[in-house]
Amino acid sequence: MEAGKQRLAGDTARAATCDEVKYLRCEARGLKEVVAEQTLELHLLKKA
């Protein structure tokens, strides 16, 4: 009951599950790779 009351009161923070953390870490890794590739490509284009 108390958890329901807290959610209705606007307290929606909760701890992430292990699967959610793994998914977010994997997604972050992929995004970092994209940024690294784009940074290298930009660097090469500036040199050309």
PDB file of N, CA and C in Angstrom:
ATOM      1  N   MET A   1       0.816  -1.191   0.000  1.00  0.00           N
ATOM      2  CA  MET A   1       0.000   0.000   0.000  1.00  0.00           C
ATOM      3  C   MET A   1       0.863   1.259   0.000  1.00  0.00           C
ATOM      4  N   GLU A   2       1.907   1.257   0.819  1.00  0.00           N
ATOM      5  CA  GLU A   2       2.759   2.448   0.922  1.00  0.00           C
ATOM      6  C   GLU A   2       3.448   2.754  -0.400  1.00  0.00           C
ATOM      7  N   ALA A   3       3.889   1.702  -1.104  1.00  0.00           N
ATOM      8  CA  ALA A   3       4.552   1.916  -2.394  1.00  0.00           C
ATOM      9  C   ALA A   3       3.584   2.560  -3.381  1.00  0.00           C
ATOM     10  N   GLY A   4       2.342   2.114  -3.378  1.00  0.00           N
ATOM     11  CA  GLY A   4       1.341   2.701  -4.256  1.00  0.00           C
ATOM     12  C   GLY A   4       1.083   4.157  -3.918  1.00  0.00           C
ATOM     13  N   LYS A   5       1.024   4.462  -2.640  1.00  0.00           N
ATOM     14  CA  LYS A   5       0.817   5.838  -2.201  1.00  0.00           C
ATOM     15  C   LYS A   5       1.982   6.727  -2.630  1.00  0.00           C
ATOM     16  N   GLN A   6       3.211   6.219  -2.514  1.00  0.00           N
ATOM     17  CA  GLN A   6       4.393   6.995  -2.901  1.00  0.00           C
ATOM     18  C   GLN A   6       4.384   7.269  -4.402  1.00  0.00           C
ATOM     19  N   ARG A   7       4.003   6.282  -5.196  1.00  0.00           N
ATOM     20  CA  ARG A   7       3.949   6.484  -6.648  1.00  0.00           C
ATOM     21  C   ARG A   7       2.895   7.514  -7.015  1.00  0.00           C
ATOM     22  N   LEU A   8       1.756   7.445  -6.368  1.00  0.00           N
ATOM     23  CA  LEU A   8       0.705   8.414  -6.638  1.00  0.00           C
ATOM     24  C   LEU A   8       1.111   9.810  -6.189  1.00  0.00           C
ATOM     25  N   ALA A   9       1.961   9.878  -5.175  1.00  0.00           N
ATOM     26  CA  ALA A   9       2.421  11.168  -4.677  1.00  0.00           C
ATOM     27  C   ALA A   9       3.529  11.748  -5.554  1.00  0.00           C
ATOM     28  N   GLY A  10       3.998  10.982  -6.539  1.00  0.00           N
ATOM     29  CA  GLY A  10       5.014  11.493  -7.451  1.00  0.00           C
ATOM     30  C   GLY A  10       6.399  10.939  -7.211  1.00  0.00           C
ATOM     31  N   ASP A  11       6.560  10.080  -6.242  1.00  0.00           N
ATOM     32  CA  ASP A  11       7.863   9.472  -5.979  1.00  0.00           C
ATOM     33  C   ASP A  11       8.012   8.241  -6.859  1.00  0.00           C
ATOM     34  N   THR A  12       8.578   8.422  -8.069  1.00  0.00           N
ATOM     35  CA  THR A  12       8.656   7.312  -9.023  1.00  0.00           C
ATOM     36  C   THR A  12      10.060   6.748  -9.162  1.00  0.00           C
ATOM     37  N   ALA A  13      11.001   7.209  -8.364  1.00  0.00           N
ATOM     38  CA  ALA A  13      12.367   6.693  -8.459  1.00  0.00           C
ATOM     39  C   ALA A  13      12.396   5.243  -7.982  1.00  0.00           C
ATOM     40  N   ARG A  14      13.174   4.429  -8.688  1.00  0.00           N
ATOM     41  CA  ARG A  14      13.335   3.039  -8.279  1.00  0.00           C
ATOM     42  C   ARG A  14      14.701   2.563  -8.723  1.00  0.00           C
ATOM     43  N   ALA A  15      15.143   1.486  -8.152  1.00  0.00           N
ATOM     44  CA  ALA A  15      16.430   0.911  -8.519  1.00  0.00           C
ATOM     45  C   ALA A  15      16.276   0.153  -9.836  1.00  0.00           C
ATOM     46  N   ALA A  16      17.287   0.244 -10.699  1.00  0.00           N
ATOM     47  CA  ALA A  16      17.267  -0.473 -11.964  1.00  0.00           C
ATOM     48  C   ALA A  16      17.524  -1.954 -11.727  1.00  0.00           C
ATOM     49  N   THR A  17      16.939  -2.781 -12.571  1.00  0.00           N
ATOM     50  CA  THR A  17      17.192  -4.211 -12.474  1.00  0.00           C
ATOM     51  C   THR A  17      18.536  -4.529 -13.135  1.00  0.00           C
ATOM     52  N   CYS A  18      19.020  -5.706 -12.863  1.00  0.00           N
ATOM     53  CA  CYS A  18      20.307  -6.139 -13.425  1.00  0.00           C
ATOM     54  C   CYS A  18      20.254  -6.155 -14.952  1.00  0.00           C
ATOM     55  N   ASP A  19      19.144  -6.625 -15.511  1.00  0.00           N
ATOM     56  CA  ASP A  19      19.000  -6.669 -16.971  1.00  0.00           C
ATOM     57  C   ASP A  19      18.993  -5.264 -17.569  1.00  0.00           C
ATOM     58  N   GLU A  20      18.344  -4.335 -16.888  1.00  0.00           N
ATOM     59  CA  GLU A  20      18.306  -2.954 -17.385  1.00  0.00           C
ATOM     60  C   GLU A  20      19.703  -2.345 -17.383  1.00  0.00           C
ATOM     61  N   VAL A  21      20.458  -2.605 -16.343  1.00  0.00           N
ATOM     62  CA  VAL A  21      21.823  -2.075 -16.248  1.00  0.00           C
ATOM     63  C   VAL A  21      22.684  -2.662 -17.362  1.00  0.00           C
ATOM     64  N   LYS A  22      22.570  -3.964 -17.597  1.00  0.00           N
ATOM     65  CA  LYS A  22      23.335  -4.601 -18.671  1.00  0.00           C
ATOM     66  C   LYS A  22      22.972  -4.010 -20.022  1.00  0.00           C
ATOM     67  N   TYR A  23      21.679  -3.806 -20.260  1.00  0.00           N
ATOM     68  CA  TYR A  23      21.228  -3.234 -21.528  1.00  0.00           C
ATOM     69  C   TYR A  23      21.770  -1.822 -21.709  1.00  0.00           C
ATOM     70  N   LEU A  24      21.681  -1.013 -20.660  1.00  0.00           N
ATOM     71  CA  LEU A  24      22.150   0.370 -20.758  1.00  0.00           C
ATOM     72  C   LEU A  24      23.661   0.447 -20.951  1.00  0.00           C
ATOM     73  N   ARG A  25      24.397  -0.437 -20.303  1.00  0.00           N
ATOM     74  CA  ARG A  25      25.854  -0.467 -20.493  1.00  0.00           C
ATOM     75  C   ARG A  25      26.206  -0.854 -21.927  1.00  0.00           C
ATOM     76  N   CYS A  26      25.481  -1.818 -22.469  1.00  0.00           N
ATOM     77  CA  CYS A  26      25.720  -2.246 -23.850  1.00  0.00           C
ATOM     78  C   CYS A  26      25.390  -1.112 -24.813  1.00  0.00           C
ATOM     79  N   GLU A  27      24.281  -0.443 -24.578  1.00  0.00           N
ATOM     80  CA  GLU A  27      23.897   0.681 -25.436  1.00  0.00           C
ATOM     81  C   GLU A  27      24.917   1.809 -25.341  1.00  0.00           C
ATOM     82  N   ALA A  28      25.388   2.098 -24.146  1.00  0.00           N
ATOM     83  CA  ALA A  28      26.395   3.146 -23.960  1.00  0.00           C
ATOM     84  C   ALA A  28      27.684   2.785 -24.691  1.00  0.00           C
ATOM     85  N   ARG A  29      28.075   1.522 -24.640  1.00  0.00           N
ATOM     86  CA  ARG A  29      29.281   1.067 -25.340  1.00  0.00           C
ATOM     87  C   ARG A  29      29.138   1.294 -26.836  1.00  0.00           C
ATOM     88  N   GLY A  30      27.967   0.947 -27.376  1.00  0.00           N
ATOM     89  CA  GLY A  30      27.728   1.147 -28.800  1.00  0.00           C
ATOM     90  C   GLY A  30      27.757   2.618 -29.186  1.00  0.00           C
ATOM     91  N   LEU A  31      27.171   3.461 -28.351  1.00  0.00           N
ATOM     92  CA  LEU A  31      27.169   4.892 -28.640  1.00  0.00           C
ATOM     93  C   LEU A  31      28.574   5.481 -28.568  1.00  0.00           C
ATOM     94  N   LYS A  32      29.372   5.002 -27.623  1.00  0.00           N
ATOM     95  CA  LYS A  32      30.760   5.467 -27.526  1.00  0.00           C
ATOM     96  C   LYS A  32      31.538   5.094 -28.780  1.00  0.00           C
ATOM     97  N   GLU A  33      31.278   3.901 -29.316  1.00  0.00           N
ATOM     98  CA  GLU A  33      31.951   3.479 -30.545  1.00  0.00           C
ATOM     99  C   GLU A  33      31.569   4.384 -31.710  1.00  0.00           C
ATOM    100  N   VAL A  34      30.299   4.735 -31.803  1.00  0.00           N
ATOM    101  CA  VAL A  34      29.843   5.622 -32.873  1.00  0.00           C
ATOM    102  C   VAL A  34      30.522   6.984 -32.754  1.00  0.00           C
ATOM    103  N   VAL A  35      30.595   7.515 -31.555  1.00  0.00           N
ATOM    104  CA  VAL A  35      31.236   8.817 -31.340  1.00  0.00           C
ATOM    105  C   VAL A  35      32.717   8.728 -31.704  1.00  0.00           C
ATOM    106  N   ALA A  36      33.373   7.643 -31.324  1.00  0.00           N
ATOM    107  CA  ALA A  36      34.792   7.480 -31.644  1.00  0.00           C
ATOM    108  C   ALA A  36      35.010   7.431 -33.153  1.00  0.00           C
ATOM    109  N   GLU A  37      34.163   6.679 -33.857  1.00  0.00           N
ATOM    110  CA  GLU A  37      34.287   6.591 -35.307  1.00  0.00           C
ATOM    111  C   GLU A  37      34.065   7.953 -35.961  1.00  0.00           C
ATOM    112  N   GLN A  38      33.066   8.665 -35.517  1.00  0.00           N
ATOM    113  CA  GLN A  38      32.774   9.985 -36.081  1.00  0.00           C
ATOM    114  C   GLN A  38      33.908  10.971 -35.791  1.00  0.00           C
ATOM    115  N   THR A  39      34.488  10.878 -34.615  1.00  0.00           N
ATOM    116  CA  THR A  39      35.597  11.757 -34.247  1.00  0.00           C
ATOM    117  C   THR A  39      36.800  11.494 -35.149  1.00  0.00           C
ATOM    118  N   LEU A  40      37.112  10.224 -35.376  1.00  0.00           N
ATOM    119  CA  LEU A  40      38.227   9.882 -36.260  1.00  0.00           C
ATOM    120  C   LEU A  40      37.966  10.353 -37.688  1.00  0.00           C
ATOM    121  N   GLU A  41      36.749  10.135 -38.148  1.00  0.00           N
ATOM    122  CA  GLU A  41      36.413  10.561 -39.515  1.00  0.00           C
ATOM    123  C   GLU A  41      36.523  12.073 -39.655  1.00  0.00           C
ATOM    124  N   LEU A  42      36.050  12.809 -38.689  1.00  0.00           N
ATOM    125  CA  LEU A  42      36.135  14.261 -38.712  1.00  0.00           C
ATOM    126  C   LEU A  42      37.589  14.711 -38.696  1.00  0.00           C
ATOM    127  N   HIS A  43      38.395  14.055 -37.887  1.00  0.00           N
ATOM    128  CA  HIS A  43      39.821  14.386 -37.799  1.00  0.00           C
ATOM    129  C   HIS A  43      40.497  14.171 -39.157  1.00  0.00           C
ATOM    130  N   LEU A  44      40.167  13.046 -39.800  1.00  0.00           N
ATOM    131  CA  LEU A  44      40.751  12.742 -41.119  1.00  0.00           C
ATOM    132  C   LEU A  44      40.295  13.753 -42.175  1.00  0.00           C
ATOM    133  N   LEU A  45      39.027  14.147 -42.106  1.00  0.00           N
ATOM    134  CA  LEU A  45      38.526  15.118 -43.073  1.00  0.00           C
ATOM    135  C   LEU A  45      39.164  16.496 -42.882  1.00  0.00           C
ATOM    136  N   LYS A  46      39.457  16.842 -41.649  1.00  0.00           N
ATOM    137  CA  LYS A  46      40.096  18.138 -41.390  1.00  0.00           C
ATOM    138  C   LYS A  46      41.526  18.151 -41.905  1.00  0.00           C
ATOM    139  N   LYS A  47      42.197  16.979 -41.868  1.00  0.00           N
ATOM    140  CA  LYS A  47      43.573  16.901 -42.357  1.00  0.00           C
ATOM    141  C   LYS A  47      43.626  16.973 -43.885  1.00  0.00           C
ATOM    142  N   ALA A  48      42.584  16.492 -44.547  1.00  0.00           N
ATOM    143  CA  ALA A  48      42.578  16.417 -46.015  1.00  0.00           C
ATOM    144  C   ALA A  48      42.426  17.779 -46.651  1.00  0.00           C
TER     145      ALA A  48
END
